Amino acid sequence: MNAALHLVPPIATAAAAPVSLDESVLTAAVATAAREGKTPLDVLAEMTGLNGAGVAAAVAYAFRYPYLSAAELTRLEPAFDLLPGSEAARRGCVLARDGERLIAVISDPFDAALRPWIEARAPEMLEWAIAARPEIVAFIGAREQSVRAIDAAVEHAQIAVDASHAVENLSLASINEDASPIVKLVHSTVFDALRAGASDIHLETAKRPATAW
């Protein structure tokens, strides 16, 4: 059997898959993929007629890996601090946390370069699992969108706090400390407008008509 098929030591037995992939089937898929310029997963999909999730479950069972469905993925927290979402999606994998556990969820156990690439980014012991590539990518995209929404909310809250501080700094006490009557008038007008919630303030000057003597 091709050495790449033993890339990651099995850690658990997944639930039974609809199609059993024995060693001869996996070896044939690897050989066909190399000959036709495809991935073994694509070849297995053609050989078995399974969709992406079905192939992932069957491969997980053959390698004695846990298989994670889309619903099971959503219960994990992606470790984007260790492996950014864009890089993870490009390689069809994700580092995720389940409490104290750090799990490397991969879509292609035939990728011989994937394990060292992931392990170089993980400072702690890893567990391994398999999920379908489209479901991994969708999981990453959804979590990245949530992170962006949280960041935007925090930024908006900070702007509101800064505006509140601006009103506090322009207090009546500081207005009364100004020596110039004109400065006092302008500051008082701005202060009242900010307290009323104005976001755009215009001050206009009018020229006094000349007086005939």
N, C-alpha and C. Protein backbone atom coordinates (compact mmCIF):
# COMPACT_ATOMS: atom_id res chain seq x y z
N MET A 1 0.84 -1.20 0.00
CA MET A 1 0.00 0.00 0.00
C MET A 1 0.87 1.24 0.00
N ASN A 2 0.52 2.24 -0.72
CA ASN A 2 1.30 3.45 -0.82
C ASN A 2 1.58 4.03 0.56
N ALA A 3 2.85 4.49 0.78
CA ALA A 3 3.23 5.00 2.10
C ALA A 3 2.40 6.19 2.51
N ALA A 4 1.94 6.98 1.53
CA ALA A 4 1.15 8.16 1.85
C ALA A 4 -0.14 7.80 2.55
N LEU A 5 -0.60 6.57 2.37
CA LEU A 5 -1.85 6.16 2.99
C LEU A 5 -1.70 5.97 4.50
N HIS A 6 -0.46 5.93 4.99
CA HIS A 6 -0.21 5.80 6.42
C HIS A 6 0.27 7.12 7.00
N LEU A 7 -0.09 8.21 6.35
CA LEU A 7 0.42 9.53 6.72
C LEU A 7 0.17 9.86 8.18
N VAL A 8 -1.05 9.66 8.67
CA VAL A 8 -1.40 10.02 10.04
C VAL A 8 -1.79 8.76 10.80
N PRO A 9 -1.17 8.49 11.94
CA PRO A 9 -1.56 7.30 12.71
C PRO A 9 -3.02 7.37 13.14
N PRO A 10 -3.77 6.30 13.00
CA PRO A 10 -5.18 6.33 13.41
C PRO A 10 -5.30 6.53 14.90
N ILE A 11 -6.32 7.31 15.31
CA ILE A 11 -6.51 7.57 16.74
C ILE A 11 -7.85 7.07 17.26
N ALA A 12 -8.77 6.78 16.38
CA ALA A 12 -10.09 6.31 16.83
C ALA A 12 -10.79 5.65 15.66
N THR A 13 -11.85 4.96 15.94
CA THR A 13 -12.64 4.32 14.90
C THR A 13 -13.89 5.12 14.63
N ALA A 14 -14.08 5.53 13.39
CA ALA A 14 -15.25 6.33 13.04
C ALA A 14 -16.48 5.45 12.91
N ALA A 15 -17.64 6.07 12.82
CA ALA A 15 -18.87 5.33 12.62
C ALA A 15 -18.85 4.65 11.26
N ALA A 16 -19.60 3.57 11.13
CA ALA A 16 -19.61 2.81 9.89
C ALA A 16 -20.03 3.67 8.72
N ALA A 17 -19.34 3.51 7.59
CA ALA A 17 -19.65 4.28 6.38
C ALA A 17 -20.50 3.43 5.44
N PRO A 18 -21.24 4.09 4.52
CA PRO A 18 -22.08 3.34 3.59
C PRO A 18 -21.29 2.40 2.70
N VAL A 19 -20.06 2.80 2.35
CA VAL A 19 -19.25 1.98 1.46
C VAL A 19 -17.94 1.66 2.16
N SER A 20 -17.55 0.39 2.15
CA SER A 20 -16.30 -0.03 2.76
C SER A 20 -15.18 0.04 1.72
N LEU A 21 -14.13 0.78 2.03
CA LEU A 21 -12.99 0.93 1.14
C LEU A 21 -11.83 0.12 1.69
N ASP A 22 -11.55 -1.03 1.06
CA ASP A 22 -10.44 -1.84 1.55
C ASP A 22 -9.13 -1.33 0.95
N GLU A 23 -8.04 -1.97 1.34
CA GLU A 23 -6.71 -1.50 0.94
C GLU A 23 -6.53 -1.52 -0.56
N SER A 24 -7.08 -2.52 -1.22
CA SER A 24 -6.91 -2.62 -2.67
C SER A 24 -7.61 -1.47 -3.40
N VAL A 25 -8.78 -1.07 -2.89
CA VAL A 25 -9.51 0.04 -3.49
C VAL A 25 -8.74 1.34 -3.31
N LEU A 26 -8.21 1.56 -2.10
CA LEU A 26 -7.46 2.78 -1.83
C LEU A 26 -6.19 2.83 -2.68
N THR A 27 -5.51 1.70 -2.80
CA THR A 27 -4.28 1.65 -3.60
C THR A 27 -4.59 1.94 -5.06
N ALA A 28 -5.67 1.38 -5.57
CA ALA A 28 -6.06 1.63 -6.96
C ALA A 28 -6.42 3.09 -7.17
N ALA A 29 -7.07 3.70 -6.20
CA ALA A 29 -7.43 5.11 -6.32
C ALA A 29 -6.19 5.99 -6.36
N VAL A 30 -5.20 5.67 -5.55
CA VAL A 30 -3.96 6.45 -5.54
C VAL A 30 -3.25 6.32 -6.89
N ALA A 31 -3.18 5.10 -7.42
CA ALA A 31 -2.50 4.87 -8.71
C ALA A 31 -3.22 5.59 -9.84
N THR A 32 -4.55 5.50 -9.87
CA THR A 32 -5.32 6.16 -10.91
C THR A 32 -5.19 7.68 -10.82
N ALA A 33 -5.20 8.20 -9.63
CA ALA A 33 -5.07 9.64 -9.44
C ALA A 33 -3.73 10.14 -9.97
N ALA A 34 -2.66 9.40 -9.68
CA ALA A 34 -1.32 9.80 -10.16
C ALA A 34 -1.24 9.72 -11.67
N ARG A 35 -1.90 8.74 -12.26
CA ARG A 35 -1.86 8.56 -13.71
C ARG A 35 -2.69 9.60 -14.44
N GLU A 36 -3.82 10.00 -13.86
CA GLU A 36 -4.75 10.90 -14.55
C GLU A 36 -4.67 12.34 -14.05
N GLY A 37 -3.78 12.63 -13.12
CA GLY A 37 -3.64 14.00 -12.62
C GLY A 37 -4.81 14.45 -11.78
N LYS A 38 -5.40 13.53 -11.04
CA LYS A 38 -6.52 13.84 -10.16
C LYS A 38 -6.10 13.60 -8.72
N THR A 39 -7.01 13.88 -7.79
CA THR A 39 -6.76 13.53 -6.39
C THR A 39 -7.39 12.17 -6.12
N PRO A 40 -6.85 11.41 -5.17
CA PRO A 40 -7.47 10.13 -4.83
C PRO A 40 -8.93 10.28 -4.40
N LEU A 41 -9.26 11.39 -3.76
CA LEU A 41 -10.65 11.61 -3.34
C LEU A 41 -11.57 11.73 -4.55
N ASP A 42 -11.10 12.44 -5.59
CA ASP A 42 -11.91 12.56 -6.80
C ASP A 42 -12.12 11.19 -7.45
N VAL A 43 -11.06 10.39 -7.48
CA VAL A 43 -11.16 9.06 -8.08
C VAL A 43 -12.11 8.18 -7.27
N LEU A 44 -12.02 8.26 -5.95
CA LEU A 44 -12.93 7.47 -5.12
C LEU A 44 -14.38 7.87 -5.32
N ALA A 45 -14.62 9.17 -5.52
CA ALA A 45 -15.98 9.62 -5.79
C ALA A 45 -16.50 9.02 -7.09
N GLU A 46 -15.62 8.95 -8.11
CA GLU A 46 -16.03 8.36 -9.38
C GLU A 46 -16.24 6.85 -9.26
N MET A 47 -15.40 6.21 -8.47
CA MET A 47 -15.49 4.75 -8.32
C MET A 47 -16.72 4.33 -7.53
N THR A 48 -17.07 5.11 -6.53
CA THR A 48 -18.15 4.71 -5.61
C THR A 48 -19.48 5.40 -5.87
N GLY A 49 -19.44 6.54 -6.56
CA GLY A 49 -20.67 7.31 -6.77
C GLY A 49 -21.10 8.10 -5.55
N LEU A 50 -20.22 8.19 -4.55
CA LEU A 50 -20.55 8.93 -3.34
C LEU A 50 -20.31 10.43 -3.54
N ASN A 51 -21.05 11.25 -2.78
CA ASN A 51 -20.79 12.68 -2.80
C ASN A 51 -19.61 12.98 -1.88
N GLY A 52 -19.29 14.27 -1.71
CA GLY A 52 -18.12 14.65 -0.93
C GLY A 52 -18.18 14.15 0.51
N ALA A 53 -19.34 14.31 1.15
CA ALA A 53 -19.49 13.87 2.53
C ALA A 53 -19.40 12.35 2.62
N GLY A 54 -19.97 11.66 1.64
CA GLY A 54 -19.93 10.20 1.65
C GLY A 54 -18.52 9.67 1.49
N VAL A 55 -17.75 10.29 0.59
CA VAL A 55 -16.35 9.88 0.41
C VAL A 55 -15.55 10.15 1.68
N ALA A 56 -15.77 11.32 2.28
CA ALA A 56 -15.04 11.67 3.50
C ALA A 56 -15.33 10.66 4.61
N ALA A 57 -16.60 10.28 4.75
CA ALA A 57 -16.97 9.31 5.79
C ALA A 57 -16.36 7.94 5.50
N ALA A 58 -16.36 7.54 4.23
CA ALA A 58 -15.80 6.24 3.87
C ALA A 58 -14.29 6.21 4.08
N VAL A 59 -13.60 7.29 3.71
CA VAL A 59 -12.15 7.36 3.90
C VAL A 59 -11.82 7.40 5.39
N ALA A 60 -12.59 8.15 6.17
CA ALA A 60 -12.36 8.20 7.61
C ALA A 60 -12.50 6.80 8.22
N TYR A 61 -13.48 6.06 7.79
CA TYR A 61 -13.68 4.71 8.31
C TYR A 61 -12.53 3.79 7.91
N ALA A 62 -12.07 3.93 6.66
CA ALA A 62 -10.97 3.09 6.19
C ALA A 62 -9.67 3.39 6.93
N PHE A 63 -9.43 4.65 7.26
CA PHE A 63 -8.22 5.05 7.98
C PHE A 63 -8.39 4.97 9.50
N ARG A 64 -9.60 4.60 9.95
CA ARG A 64 -9.93 4.56 11.38
C ARG A 64 -9.75 5.93 12.02
N TYR A 65 -10.31 6.93 11.36
CA TYR A 65 -10.33 8.30 11.86
C TYR A 65 -11.74 8.67 12.28
N PRO A 66 -11.89 9.60 13.22
CA PRO A 66 -13.23 10.17 13.46
C PRO A 66 -13.67 10.95 12.23
N TYR A 67 -14.92 10.81 11.88
CA TYR A 67 -15.51 11.61 10.80
C TYR A 67 -16.40 12.67 11.42
N LEU A 68 -16.24 13.92 10.97
CA LEU A 68 -17.05 15.02 11.48
C LEU A 68 -17.99 15.51 10.39
N SER A 69 -19.28 15.51 10.70
CA SER A 69 -20.27 16.06 9.78
C SER A 69 -20.26 17.58 9.87
N ALA A 70 -21.04 18.22 9.00
CA ALA A 70 -21.13 19.68 9.04
C ALA A 70 -21.66 20.16 10.39
N ALA A 71 -22.65 19.45 10.93
CA ALA A 71 -23.22 19.84 12.22
C ALA A 71 -22.20 19.69 13.34
N GLU A 72 -21.38 18.65 13.27
CA GLU A 72 -20.37 18.44 14.31
C GLU A 72 -19.26 19.48 14.22
N LEU A 73 -18.95 19.93 13.01
CA LEU A 73 -17.94 20.99 12.85
C LEU A 73 -18.37 22.27 13.56
N THR A 74 -19.65 22.59 13.49
CA THR A 74 -20.12 23.86 14.06
C THR A 74 -19.98 23.90 15.58
N ARG A 75 -19.78 22.77 16.22
CA ARG A 75 -19.61 22.75 17.67
C ARG A 75 -18.16 23.04 18.09
N LEU A 76 -17.27 23.17 17.11
CA LEU A 76 -15.86 23.46 17.38
C LEU A 76 -15.59 24.96 17.25
N GLU A 77 -14.50 25.39 17.86
CA GLU A 77 -14.06 26.78 17.74
C GLU A 77 -12.77 26.82 16.93
N PRO A 78 -12.77 27.46 15.77
CA PRO A 78 -11.55 27.48 14.94
C PRO A 78 -10.41 28.22 15.63
N ALA A 79 -9.22 27.69 15.49
CA ALA A 79 -8.03 28.31 16.08
C ALA A 79 -7.35 29.16 15.01
N PHE A 80 -7.99 30.26 14.64
CA PHE A 80 -7.44 31.12 13.60
C PHE A 80 -6.15 31.80 14.06
N ASP A 81 -5.91 31.83 15.37
CA ASP A 81 -4.65 32.39 15.87
C ASP A 81 -3.46 31.50 15.51
N LEU A 82 -3.72 30.22 15.31
CA LEU A 82 -2.67 29.28 14.93
C LEU A 82 -2.61 29.06 13.43
N LEU A 83 -3.75 28.97 12.80
CA LEU A 83 -3.83 28.76 11.36
C LEU A 83 -4.91 29.66 10.78
N PRO A 84 -4.54 30.75 10.11
CA PRO A 84 -5.53 31.68 9.56
C PRO A 84 -6.50 30.99 8.61
N GLY A 85 -7.72 31.51 8.58
CA GLY A 85 -8.77 30.88 7.78
C GLY A 85 -8.44 30.78 6.31
N SER A 86 -7.81 31.81 5.74
CA SER A 86 -7.52 31.80 4.30
C SER A 86 -6.54 30.67 3.95
N GLU A 87 -5.52 30.47 4.78
CA GLU A 87 -4.56 29.39 4.54
C GLU A 87 -5.21 28.03 4.74
N ALA A 88 -6.03 27.93 5.78
CA ALA A 88 -6.69 26.66 6.07
C ALA A 88 -7.62 26.26 4.93
N ALA A 89 -8.42 27.21 4.44
CA ALA A 89 -9.37 26.90 3.37
C ALA A 89 -8.63 26.47 2.11
N ARG A 90 -7.48 27.10 1.85
CA ARG A 90 -6.70 26.77 0.64
C ARG A 90 -6.21 25.32 0.69
N ARG A 91 -5.91 24.83 1.90
CA ARG A 91 -5.41 23.46 2.02
C ARG A 91 -6.51 22.47 2.41
N GLY A 92 -7.75 22.94 2.54
CA GLY A 92 -8.84 22.03 2.88
C GLY A 92 -8.73 21.43 4.25
N CYS A 93 -8.37 22.26 5.23
CA CYS A 93 -8.23 21.77 6.60
C CYS A 93 -8.53 22.92 7.55
N VAL A 94 -8.58 22.61 8.85
CA VAL A 94 -8.76 23.65 9.85
C VAL A 94 -8.27 23.14 11.19
N LEU A 95 -7.63 24.02 11.95
CA LEU A 95 -7.30 23.72 13.33
C LEU A 95 -8.44 24.25 14.19
N ALA A 96 -8.95 23.42 15.08
CA ALA A 96 -10.10 23.82 15.89
C ALA A 96 -9.95 23.30 17.31
N ARG A 97 -10.60 23.99 18.23
CA ARG A 97 -10.54 23.62 19.64
C ARG A 97 -11.90 23.05 20.09
N ASP A 98 -11.80 22.02 20.89
CA ASP A 98 -12.98 21.45 21.55
C ASP A 98 -12.64 21.38 23.04
N GLY A 99 -12.92 22.48 23.75
CA GLY A 99 -12.47 22.58 25.13
C GLY A 99 -10.96 22.69 25.17
N GLU A 100 -10.30 21.75 25.85
CA GLU A 100 -8.84 21.75 25.96
C GLU A 100 -8.18 21.01 24.80
N ARG A 101 -8.97 20.36 23.97
CA ARG A 101 -8.41 19.57 22.87
C ARG A 101 -8.20 20.43 21.64
N LEU A 102 -7.09 20.19 20.95
CA LEU A 102 -6.80 20.85 19.68
C LEU A 102 -6.89 19.79 18.58
N ILE A 103 -7.78 20.01 17.63
CA ILE A 103 -8.06 19.01 16.61
C ILE A 103 -7.70 19.55 15.24
N ALA A 104 -6.96 18.76 14.47
CA ALA A 104 -6.69 19.07 13.07
C ALA A 104 -7.72 18.32 12.23
N VAL A 105 -8.60 19.08 11.61
CA VAL A 105 -9.63 18.48 10.76
C VAL A 105 -9.16 18.61 9.31
N ILE A 106 -8.96 17.50 8.65
CA ILE A 106 -8.44 17.50 7.28
C ILE A 106 -9.46 16.86 6.35
N SER A 107 -9.32 17.18 5.06
CA SER A 107 -10.21 16.57 4.08
C SER A 107 -9.50 15.52 3.23
N ASP A 108 -8.16 15.60 3.19
CA ASP A 108 -7.40 14.71 2.31
C ASP A 108 -6.25 14.04 3.05
N PRO A 109 -6.45 12.85 3.60
CA PRO A 109 -5.37 12.15 4.29
C PRO A 109 -4.31 11.60 3.34
N PHE A 110 -4.56 11.68 2.03
CA PHE A 110 -3.57 11.23 1.05
C PHE A 110 -2.49 12.29 0.79
N ASP A 111 -2.71 13.52 1.27
CA ASP A 111 -1.76 14.62 1.06
C ASP A 111 -0.57 14.44 2.00
N ALA A 112 0.56 13.95 1.47
CA ALA A 112 1.71 13.61 2.31
C ALA A 112 2.36 14.83 2.95
N ALA A 113 2.18 16.02 2.38
CA ALA A 113 2.81 17.23 2.92
C ALA A 113 1.93 17.94 3.94
N LEU A 114 0.70 17.49 4.10
CA LEU A 114 -0.25 18.24 4.93
C LEU A 114 0.06 18.13 6.42
N ARG A 115 0.40 16.93 6.88
CA ARG A 115 0.62 16.77 8.33
C ARG A 115 1.77 17.65 8.84
N PRO A 116 2.97 17.60 8.24
CA PRO A 116 4.03 18.48 8.76
C PRO A 116 3.70 19.96 8.63
N TRP A 117 2.94 20.31 7.60
CA TRP A 117 2.53 21.72 7.41
C TRP A 117 1.64 22.17 8.56
N ILE A 118 0.72 21.31 8.99
CA ILE A 118 -0.16 21.65 10.11
C ILE A 118 0.59 21.61 11.43
N GLU A 119 1.40 20.57 11.64
CA GLU A 119 2.10 20.42 12.91
C GLU A 119 3.07 21.57 13.18
N ALA A 120 3.59 22.18 12.12
CA ALA A 120 4.50 23.32 12.28
C ALA A 120 3.79 24.53 12.87
N ARG A 121 2.46 24.55 12.80
CA ARG A 121 1.68 25.68 13.30
C ARG A 121 0.99 25.38 14.62
N ALA A 122 1.15 24.17 15.12
CA ALA A 122 0.47 23.78 16.36
C ALA A 122 1.49 23.59 17.47
N PRO A 123 1.38 24.36 18.55
CA PRO A 123 2.36 24.28 19.64
C PRO A 123 2.06 23.17 20.63
N GLU A 124 1.03 22.38 20.38
CA GLU A 124 0.62 21.37 21.36
C GLU A 124 0.21 20.09 20.65
N MET A 125 -0.10 19.06 21.45
CA MET A 125 -0.49 17.78 20.89
C MET A 125 -1.79 17.90 20.11
N LEU A 126 -1.83 17.25 18.96
CA LEU A 126 -2.99 17.32 18.08
C LEU A 126 -3.75 16.01 18.06
N GLU A 127 -5.06 16.11 17.90
CA GLU A 127 -5.88 14.98 17.50
C GLU A 127 -6.26 15.23 16.03
N TRP A 128 -6.65 14.16 15.36
CA TRP A 128 -6.92 14.27 13.93
C TRP A 128 -8.32 13.75 13.61
N ALA A 129 -8.96 14.38 12.65
CA ALA A 129 -10.28 13.95 12.20
C ALA A 129 -10.42 14.31 10.72
N ILE A 130 -11.43 13.75 10.10
CA ILE A 130 -11.68 13.98 8.67
C ILE A 130 -13.07 14.54 8.48
N ALA A 131 -13.19 15.51 7.57
CA ALA A 131 -14.48 16.06 7.15
C ALA A 131 -14.40 16.37 5.66
N ALA A 132 -15.53 16.54 5.03
CA ALA A 132 -15.56 16.86 3.61
C ALA A 132 -15.01 18.27 3.38
N ARG A 133 -14.24 18.44 2.33
CA ARG A 133 -13.62 19.74 2.06
C ARG A 133 -14.63 20.87 1.95
N PRO A 134 -15.76 20.72 1.18
CA PRO A 134 -16.72 21.83 1.10
C PRO A 134 -17.28 22.22 2.46
N GLU A 135 -17.44 21.26 3.36
CA GLU A 135 -17.98 21.57 4.68
C GLU A 135 -16.94 22.26 5.55
N ILE A 136 -15.68 21.91 5.39
CA ILE A 136 -14.61 22.61 6.11
C ILE A 136 -14.54 24.06 5.65
N VAL A 137 -14.57 24.27 4.33
CA VAL A 137 -14.48 25.62 3.78
C VAL A 137 -15.68 26.46 4.21
N ALA A 138 -16.88 25.86 4.20
CA ALA A 138 -18.08 26.58 4.64
C ALA A 138 -17.99 26.94 6.12
N PHE A 139 -17.47 26.04 6.93
CA PHE A 139 -17.30 26.29 8.37
C PHE A 139 -16.34 27.46 8.59
N ILE A 140 -15.23 27.48 7.86
CA ILE A 140 -14.26 28.56 8.00
C ILE A 140 -14.89 29.89 7.59
N GLY A 141 -15.59 29.90 6.45
CA GLY A 141 -16.21 31.13 5.97
C GLY A 141 -17.23 31.69 6.95
N ALA A 142 -18.05 30.83 7.52
CA ALA A 142 -19.08 31.28 8.47
C ALA A 142 -18.44 31.86 9.72
N ARG A 143 -17.39 31.23 10.24
CA ARG A 143 -16.75 31.73 11.45
C ARG A 143 -15.98 33.02 11.19
N GLU A 144 -15.36 33.13 10.02
CA GLU A 144 -14.67 34.38 9.69
C GLU A 144 -15.66 35.53 9.60
N GLN A 145 -16.84 35.27 9.05
CA GLN A 145 -17.87 36.31 8.97
C GLN A 145 -18.31 36.73 10.36
N SER A 146 -18.43 35.78 11.28
CA SER A 146 -18.81 36.11 12.65
C SER A 146 -17.75 36.96 13.32
N VAL A 147 -16.48 36.63 13.08
CA VAL A 147 -15.39 37.40 13.68
C VAL A 147 -15.40 38.83 13.15
N ARG A 148 -15.63 38.99 11.84
CA ARG A 148 -15.69 40.35 11.27
C ARG A 148 -16.84 41.15 11.85
N ALA A 149 -17.99 40.50 12.07
CA ALA A 149 -19.14 41.19 12.64
C ALA A 149 -18.85 41.65 14.07
N ILE A 150 -18.17 40.80 14.84
CA ILE A 150 -17.82 41.17 16.21
C ILE A 150 -16.84 42.34 16.22
N ASP A 151 -15.84 42.29 15.33
CA ASP A 151 -14.86 43.37 15.25
C ASP A 151 -15.54 44.69 14.90
N ALA A 152 -16.51 44.65 13.97
CA ALA A 152 -17.21 45.87 13.57
C ALA A 152 -18.03 46.42 14.74
N ALA A 153 -18.66 45.53 15.51
CA ALA A 153 -19.45 45.98 16.66
C ALA A 153 -18.57 46.62 17.72
N VAL A 154 -17.39 46.04 17.95
CA VAL A 154 -16.46 46.61 18.93
C VAL A 154 -15.98 47.98 18.48
N GLU A 155 -15.67 48.10 17.18
CA GLU A 155 -15.22 49.39 16.65
C GLU A 155 -16.30 50.45 16.78
N HIS A 156 -17.55 50.07 16.49
CA HIS A 156 -18.66 51.01 16.60
C HIS A 156 -18.84 51.46 18.05
N ALA A 157 -18.72 50.51 18.99
CA ALA A 157 -18.86 50.84 20.41
C ALA A 157 -17.75 51.79 20.86
N GLN A 158 -16.55 51.59 20.34
CA GLN A 158 -15.43 52.45 20.72
C GLN A 158 -15.64 53.87 20.21
N ILE A 159 -16.19 53.99 18.99
CA ILE A 159 -16.48 55.31 18.44
C ILE A 159 -17.50 56.04 19.31
N ALA A 160 -18.53 55.29 19.75
CA ALA A 160 -19.56 55.89 20.61
C ALA A 160 -18.96 56.36 21.93
N VAL A 161 -18.04 55.56 22.50
CA VAL A 161 -17.39 55.94 23.75
C VAL A 161 -16.55 57.20 23.55
N ASP A 162 -15.82 57.26 22.44
CA ASP A 162 -14.98 58.43 22.17
C ASP A 162 -15.83 59.69 22.02
N ALA A 163 -17.00 59.56 21.36
CA ALA A 163 -17.88 60.71 21.20
C ALA A 163 -18.42 61.18 22.55
N SER A 164 -18.73 60.22 23.43
CA SER A 164 -19.21 60.56 24.76
C SER A 164 -18.15 61.31 25.55
N HIS A 165 -16.91 60.87 25.41
CA HIS A 165 -15.82 61.55 26.10
C HIS A 165 -15.62 62.96 25.58
N ALA A 166 -15.86 63.14 24.27
CA ALA A 166 -15.71 64.47 23.69
C ALA A 166 -16.72 65.45 24.31
N VAL A 167 -17.94 64.97 24.53
CA VAL A 167 -18.97 65.82 25.13
C VAL A 167 -18.59 66.15 26.57
N GLU A 168 -18.07 65.14 27.30
CA GLU A 168 -17.69 65.38 28.68
C GLU A 168 -16.56 66.39 28.79
N ASN A 169 -15.60 66.29 27.86
CA ASN A 169 -14.46 67.21 27.91
C ASN A 169 -14.88 68.64 27.64
N LEU A 170 -15.90 68.81 26.79
CA LEU A 170 -16.38 70.16 26.48
C LEU A 170 -17.47 70.51 27.49
N SER A 171 -17.10 70.56 28.74
CA SER A 171 -18.06 70.79 29.82
C SER A 171 -18.32 72.27 30.00
N LEU A 172 -19.38 72.55 30.75
CA LEU A 172 -19.70 73.95 31.04
C LEU A 172 -18.59 74.60 31.84
N ALA A 173 -17.90 73.79 32.67
CA ALA A 173 -16.80 74.37 33.45
C ALA A 173 -15.71 74.88 32.55
N SER A 174 -15.35 74.08 31.50
CA SER A 174 -14.29 74.54 30.61
C SER A 174 -14.76 75.71 29.77
N ILE A 175 -16.07 75.74 29.48
CA ILE A 175 -16.60 76.87 28.72
C ILE A 175 -16.45 78.15 29.52
N ASN A 176 -16.75 78.11 30.81
CA ASN A 176 -16.68 79.29 31.66
C ASN A 176 -15.25 79.75 31.89
N GLU A 177 -14.28 78.84 31.67
CA GLU A 177 -12.88 79.22 31.85
C GLU A 177 -12.34 80.01 30.68
N ASP A 178 -13.04 79.94 29.54
CA ASP A 178 -12.58 80.68 28.37
C ASP A 178 -12.75 82.18 28.60
N ALA A 179 -11.71 82.94 28.26
CA ALA A 179 -11.73 84.38 28.52
C ALA A 179 -12.55 85.13 27.49
N SER A 180 -12.49 84.70 26.25
CA SER A 180 -13.15 85.44 25.19
C SER A 180 -14.64 85.17 25.16
N PRO A 181 -15.50 86.22 25.14
CA PRO A 181 -16.95 86.01 25.03
C PRO A 181 -17.32 85.25 23.77
N ILE A 182 -16.61 85.47 22.68
CA ILE A 182 -16.92 84.78 21.42
C ILE A 182 -16.62 83.29 21.55
N VAL A 183 -15.46 82.94 22.16
CA VAL A 183 -15.11 81.54 22.35
C VAL A 183 -16.13 80.86 23.24
N LYS A 184 -16.57 81.58 24.30
CA LYS A 184 -17.60 81.02 25.18
C LYS A 184 -18.88 80.72 24.42
N LEU A 185 -19.28 81.62 23.55
CA LEU A 185 -20.51 81.44 22.78
C LEU A 185 -20.42 80.24 21.86
N VAL A 186 -19.28 80.11 21.15
CA VAL A 186 -19.11 78.99 20.22
C VAL A 186 -19.08 77.67 20.98
N HIS A 187 -18.30 77.59 22.06
CA HIS A 187 -18.22 76.35 22.83
C HIS A 187 -19.56 75.97 23.43
N SER A 188 -20.30 76.94 23.91
CA SER A 188 -21.60 76.66 24.50
C SER A 188 -22.55 76.11 23.45
N THR A 189 -22.51 76.68 22.25
CA THR A 189 -23.38 76.21 21.15
C THR A 189 -23.05 74.77 20.78
N VAL A 190 -21.73 74.47 20.64
CA VAL A 190 -21.31 73.11 20.28
C VAL A 190 -21.67 72.12 21.39
N PHE A 191 -21.49 72.52 22.62
CA PHE A 191 -21.81 71.66 23.76
C PHE A 191 -23.28 71.26 23.76
N ASP A 192 -24.16 72.27 23.57
CA ASP A 192 -25.60 72.00 23.56
C ASP A 192 -25.97 71.08 22.39
N ALA A 193 -25.33 71.31 21.24
CA ALA A 193 -25.64 70.50 20.07
C ALA A 193 -25.20 69.05 20.27
N LEU A 194 -24.01 68.84 20.85
CA LEU A 194 -23.53 67.48 21.08
C LEU A 194 -24.40 66.75 22.08
N ARG A 195 -24.84 67.44 23.13
CA ARG A 195 -25.72 66.80 24.11
C ARG A 195 -27.04 66.41 23.49
N ALA A 196 -27.47 67.19 22.47
CA ALA A 196 -28.75 66.88 21.80
C ALA A 196 -28.59 65.79 20.76
N GLY A 197 -27.34 65.35 20.52
CA GLY A 197 -27.11 64.26 19.57
C GLY A 197 -26.82 64.70 18.17
N ALA A 198 -26.48 65.95 17.96
CA ALA A 198 -26.19 66.43 16.61
C ALA A 198 -24.90 65.81 16.11
N SER A 199 -24.86 65.50 14.83
CA SER A 199 -23.66 64.92 14.22
C SER A 199 -23.01 65.88 13.24
N ASP A 200 -23.69 66.94 12.88
CA ASP A 200 -23.16 67.87 11.89
C ASP A 200 -23.55 69.28 12.31
N ILE A 201 -22.56 70.11 12.63
CA ILE A 201 -22.83 71.44 13.17
C ILE A 201 -22.27 72.48 12.22
N HIS A 202 -23.10 73.48 11.89
CA HIS A 202 -22.66 74.58 11.01
C HIS A 202 -22.81 75.90 11.77
N LEU A 203 -21.78 76.67 11.74
CA LEU A 203 -21.82 78.01 12.34
C LEU A 203 -21.70 79.02 11.21
N GLU A 204 -22.62 79.97 11.15
CA GLU A 204 -22.61 80.97 10.11
C GLU A 204 -22.46 82.36 10.72
N THR A 205 -21.81 83.22 9.99
CA THR A 205 -21.65 84.60 10.43
C THR A 205 -22.43 85.51 9.50
N ALA A 206 -23.03 86.55 10.06
CA ALA A 206 -23.81 87.51 9.24
C ALA A 206 -23.15 88.88 9.38
N LYS A 207 -22.96 89.54 8.23
CA LYS A 207 -22.35 90.87 8.24
C LYS A 207 -23.40 91.90 8.63
N ARG A 208 -23.03 92.73 9.62
CA ARG A 208 -23.95 93.75 10.12
C ARG A 208 -24.04 94.89 9.10
N PRO A 209 -25.26 95.31 8.72
CA PRO A 209 -25.38 96.38 7.72
C PRO A 209 -24.77 97.67 8.27
N ALA A 210 -24.21 98.43 7.34
CA ALA A 210 -23.58 99.72 7.73
C ALA A 210 -24.63 100.71 8.21
N THR A 211 -24.28 101.51 9.20
CA THR A 211 -25.19 102.50 9.78
C THR A 211 -24.83 103.89 9.27
N ALA A 212 -25.82 104.56 8.74
CA ALA A 212 -25.61 105.94 8.19
C ALA A 212 -25.59 106.93 9.34
N TRP A 213 -24.61 107.82 9.35
CA TRP A 213 -24.46 108.84 10.38
C TRP A 213 -24.79 110.19 9.79
